[in-house]
Amino acid sequence: MQEYYFSIHITYQDFEALYRGSVRNVQVVADSGKSIRLPAIKFVPWLSQLGIRGRFKLTLTTENKFVSLEKTA
């Protein structure tokens, strides 16, 4: 398993593009410096009127398949 930690701040208005179909992926830079792209839909559980803010841990298999996304702070 591979784990990546990152911070994210996306406004509600920017994330709203997901519902209009113009945004499908979110690209983040992990603390390690690695650039990672993942489906925006994975962040929906943490969407509020402020958007999405916080620290997250992404877990992938050794084949880079999604395992989990957890909010850590």
N, C-alpha and C. Protein backbone atom coordinates (compact mmCIF):
# COMPACT_ATOMS: atom_id res chain seq x y z
N MET A 1 0.83 -1.19 0.00
CA MET A 1 0.00 0.00 0.00
C MET A 1 0.88 1.25 0.00
N GLN A 2 0.37 2.27 -0.64
CA GLN A 2 1.04 3.56 -0.67
C GLN A 2 0.13 4.59 -0.01
N GLU A 3 0.70 5.46 0.81
CA GLU A 3 -0.07 6.50 1.47
C GLU A 3 0.49 7.86 1.12
N TYR A 4 -0.40 8.79 0.83
CA TYR A 4 -0.02 10.15 0.49
C TYR A 4 -0.83 11.11 1.35
N TYR A 5 -0.16 12.11 1.90
CA TYR A 5 -0.81 13.12 2.72
C TYR A 5 -0.76 14.45 1.98
N PHE A 6 -1.85 15.20 2.05
CA PHE A 6 -1.91 16.49 1.37
C PHE A 6 -2.97 17.38 2.01
N SER A 7 -2.83 18.67 1.77
CA SER A 7 -3.83 19.66 2.19
C SER A 7 -4.57 20.12 0.95
N ILE A 8 -5.83 20.50 1.15
CA ILE A 8 -6.63 20.96 0.03
C ILE A 8 -7.57 22.06 0.48
N HIS A 9 -7.80 23.02 -0.40
CA HIS A 9 -8.77 24.08 -0.17
C HIS A 9 -9.42 24.40 -1.51
N ILE A 10 -10.66 23.99 -1.66
CA ILE A 10 -11.42 24.25 -2.88
C ILE A 10 -12.72 24.93 -2.45
N THR A 11 -13.03 26.07 -3.05
CA THR A 11 -14.27 26.76 -2.70
C THR A 11 -15.47 25.95 -3.18
N TYR A 12 -16.60 26.23 -2.60
CA TYR A 12 -17.84 25.56 -3.02
C TYR A 12 -18.12 25.86 -4.49
N GLN A 13 -17.92 27.10 -4.89
CA GLN A 13 -18.18 27.50 -6.27
C GLN A 13 -17.28 26.74 -7.25
N ASP A 14 -16.02 26.58 -6.89
CA ASP A 14 -15.12 25.82 -7.77
C ASP A 14 -15.53 24.35 -7.83
N PHE A 15 -15.92 23.80 -6.69
CA PHE A 15 -16.29 22.39 -6.67
C PHE A 15 -17.63 22.16 -7.36
N GLU A 16 -18.46 23.18 -7.40
CA GLU A 16 -19.78 23.08 -8.03
C GLU A 16 -19.65 22.70 -9.51
N ALA A 17 -18.52 23.00 -10.11
CA ALA A 17 -18.28 22.62 -11.51
C ALA A 17 -18.41 21.11 -11.70
N LEU A 18 -18.18 20.35 -10.64
CA LEU A 18 -18.35 18.90 -10.70
C LEU A 18 -19.78 18.55 -11.11
N TYR A 19 -20.74 19.24 -10.52
CA TYR A 19 -22.14 18.95 -10.79
C TYR A 19 -22.57 19.40 -12.17
N ARG A 20 -21.85 20.34 -12.74
CA ARG A 20 -22.14 20.78 -14.10
C ARG A 20 -21.40 19.93 -15.12
N GLY A 21 -20.54 19.06 -14.65
CA GLY A 21 -19.84 18.14 -15.54
C GLY A 21 -18.54 18.66 -16.12
N SER A 22 -18.14 19.88 -15.76
CA SER A 22 -16.92 20.42 -16.35
C SER A 22 -15.66 20.01 -15.60
N VAL A 23 -15.81 19.49 -14.40
CA VAL A 23 -14.65 19.03 -13.63
C VAL A 23 -14.88 17.58 -13.25
N ARG A 24 -13.91 16.75 -13.54
CA ARG A 24 -14.03 15.33 -13.18
C ARG A 24 -12.94 14.91 -12.21
N ASN A 25 -11.80 15.58 -12.27
CA ASN A 25 -10.66 15.20 -11.44
C ASN A 25 -10.14 16.38 -10.65
N VAL A 26 -9.55 16.06 -9.52
CA VAL A 26 -8.87 17.04 -8.69
C VAL A 26 -7.40 16.64 -8.67
N GLN A 27 -6.52 17.60 -8.89
CA GLN A 27 -5.10 17.32 -8.83
C GLN A 27 -4.52 17.96 -7.59
N VAL A 28 -3.81 17.18 -6.80
CA VAL A 28 -3.19 17.66 -5.57
C VAL A 28 -1.70 17.34 -5.60
N VAL A 29 -0.97 18.02 -4.74
CA VAL A 29 0.45 17.73 -4.58
C VAL A 29 0.63 17.20 -3.16
N ALA A 30 1.08 15.97 -3.05
CA ALA A 30 1.30 15.35 -1.75
C ALA A 30 2.47 16.02 -1.04
N ASP A 31 2.54 15.85 0.26
CA ASP A 31 3.64 16.41 1.04
C ASP A 31 5.00 15.97 0.50
N SER A 32 5.03 14.80 -0.11
CA SER A 32 6.28 14.26 -0.68
C SER A 32 6.67 14.96 -1.98
N GLY A 33 5.76 15.79 -2.54
CA GLY A 33 6.02 16.48 -3.78
C GLY A 33 5.41 15.80 -5.00
N LYS A 34 4.85 14.62 -4.80
CA LYS A 34 4.25 13.89 -5.92
C LYS A 34 2.90 14.51 -6.29
N SER A 35 2.68 14.69 -7.59
CA SER A 35 1.41 15.20 -8.09
C SER A 35 0.47 14.02 -8.32
N ILE A 36 -0.75 14.14 -7.78
CA ILE A 36 -1.72 13.05 -7.84
C ILE A 36 -3.05 13.58 -8.36
N ARG A 37 -3.65 12.87 -9.28
CA ARG A 37 -4.97 13.22 -9.80
C ARG A 37 -5.95 12.14 -9.37
N LEU A 38 -7.09 12.55 -8.81
CA LEU A 38 -8.10 11.59 -8.41
C LEU A 38 -9.48 12.14 -8.70
N PRO A 39 -10.48 11.26 -8.81
CA PRO A 39 -11.83 11.70 -9.14
C PRO A 39 -12.38 12.67 -8.08
N ALA A 40 -12.93 13.78 -8.54
CA ALA A 40 -13.48 14.78 -7.63
C ALA A 40 -14.59 14.21 -6.77
N ILE A 41 -15.32 13.25 -7.29
CA ILE A 41 -16.43 12.64 -6.56
C ILE A 41 -15.99 12.04 -5.22
N LYS A 42 -14.73 11.68 -5.10
CA LYS A 42 -14.22 11.09 -3.85
C LYS A 42 -14.26 12.10 -2.70
N PHE A 43 -14.32 13.41 -3.01
CA PHE A 43 -14.32 14.44 -1.98
C PHE A 43 -15.72 14.86 -1.53
N VAL A 44 -16.76 14.38 -2.18
CA VAL A 44 -18.13 14.80 -1.87
C VAL A 44 -18.50 14.63 -0.39
N PRO A 45 -18.08 13.57 0.30
CA PRO A 45 -18.46 13.45 1.71
C PRO A 45 -18.00 14.61 2.60
N TRP A 46 -17.02 15.37 2.16
CA TRP A 46 -16.48 16.47 2.98
C TRP A 46 -16.88 17.84 2.44
N LEU A 47 -17.79 17.88 1.47
CA LEU A 47 -18.22 19.14 0.89
C LEU A 47 -19.17 19.86 1.83
N SER A 48 -18.88 21.13 2.11
CA SER A 48 -19.76 21.98 2.93
C SER A 48 -20.00 23.28 2.17
N GLN A 49 -20.74 24.21 2.78
CA GLN A 49 -20.98 25.48 2.11
C GLN A 49 -19.69 26.29 1.94
N LEU A 50 -18.65 25.92 2.66
CA LEU A 50 -17.35 26.57 2.50
C LEU A 50 -16.50 25.90 1.43
N GLY A 51 -16.92 24.75 0.97
CA GLY A 51 -16.16 23.99 -0.01
C GLY A 51 -15.52 22.79 0.64
N ILE A 52 -14.30 22.51 0.26
CA ILE A 52 -13.55 21.39 0.85
C ILE A 52 -12.25 21.95 1.38
N ARG A 53 -12.02 21.73 2.66
CA ARG A 53 -10.80 22.22 3.30
C ARG A 53 -10.28 21.15 4.25
N GLY A 54 -8.98 21.04 4.34
CA GLY A 54 -8.41 20.15 5.34
C GLY A 54 -7.22 19.36 4.84
N ARG A 55 -6.81 18.44 5.71
CA ARG A 55 -5.71 17.52 5.44
C ARG A 55 -6.33 16.15 5.18
N PHE A 56 -5.77 15.47 4.20
CA PHE A 56 -6.29 14.17 3.81
C PHE A 56 -5.17 13.15 3.67
N LYS A 57 -5.56 11.89 3.83
CA LYS A 57 -4.65 10.77 3.58
C LYS A 57 -5.28 9.92 2.49
N LEU A 58 -4.55 9.75 1.39
CA LEU A 58 -4.98 8.92 0.28
C LEU A 58 -4.19 7.62 0.33
N THR A 59 -4.90 6.50 0.26
CA THR A 59 -4.25 5.19 0.25
C THR A 59 -4.52 4.53 -1.10
N LEU A 60 -3.45 4.07 -1.73
CA LEU A 60 -3.51 3.38 -3.02
C LEU A 60 -2.84 2.03 -2.91
N THR A 61 -3.22 1.12 -3.81
CA THR A 61 -2.52 -0.17 -3.89
C THR A 61 -1.17 0.07 -4.55
N THR A 62 -0.34 -0.94 -4.59
CA THR A 62 0.95 -0.82 -5.27
C THR A 62 0.76 -0.64 -6.77
N GLU A 63 -0.44 -0.96 -7.30
CA GLU A 63 -0.76 -0.74 -8.71
C GLU A 63 -1.44 0.61 -8.93
N ASN A 64 -1.41 1.48 -7.91
CA ASN A 64 -2.01 2.82 -7.94
C ASN A 64 -3.53 2.81 -8.08
N LYS A 65 -4.17 1.79 -7.57
CA LYS A 65 -5.63 1.72 -7.54
C LYS A 65 -6.12 2.31 -6.23
N PHE A 66 -7.23 3.04 -6.28
CA PHE A 66 -7.79 3.69 -5.10
C PHE A 66 -8.20 2.67 -4.04
N VAL A 67 -7.82 2.96 -2.78
CA VAL A 67 -8.25 2.15 -1.64
C VAL A 67 -9.13 3.00 -0.73
N SER A 68 -8.62 4.16 -0.29
CA SER A 68 -9.41 5.01 0.59
C SER A 68 -8.91 6.45 0.59
N LEU A 69 -9.80 7.34 1.02
CA LEU A 69 -9.48 8.73 1.21
C LEU A 69 -10.05 9.11 2.58
N GLU A 70 -9.20 9.58 3.47
CA GLU A 70 -9.63 9.92 4.82
C GLU A 70 -9.23 11.36 5.14
N LYS A 71 -10.12 12.06 5.83
CA LYS A 71 -9.79 13.40 6.30
C LYS A 71 -9.08 13.24 7.64
N THR A 72 -7.92 13.85 7.75
CA THR A 72 -7.13 13.71 8.99
C THR A 72 -7.20 14.96 9.86
N ALA A 73 -7.53 16.08 9.28
CA ALA A 73 -7.65 17.33 10.07
C ALA A 73 -8.45 18.35 9.31
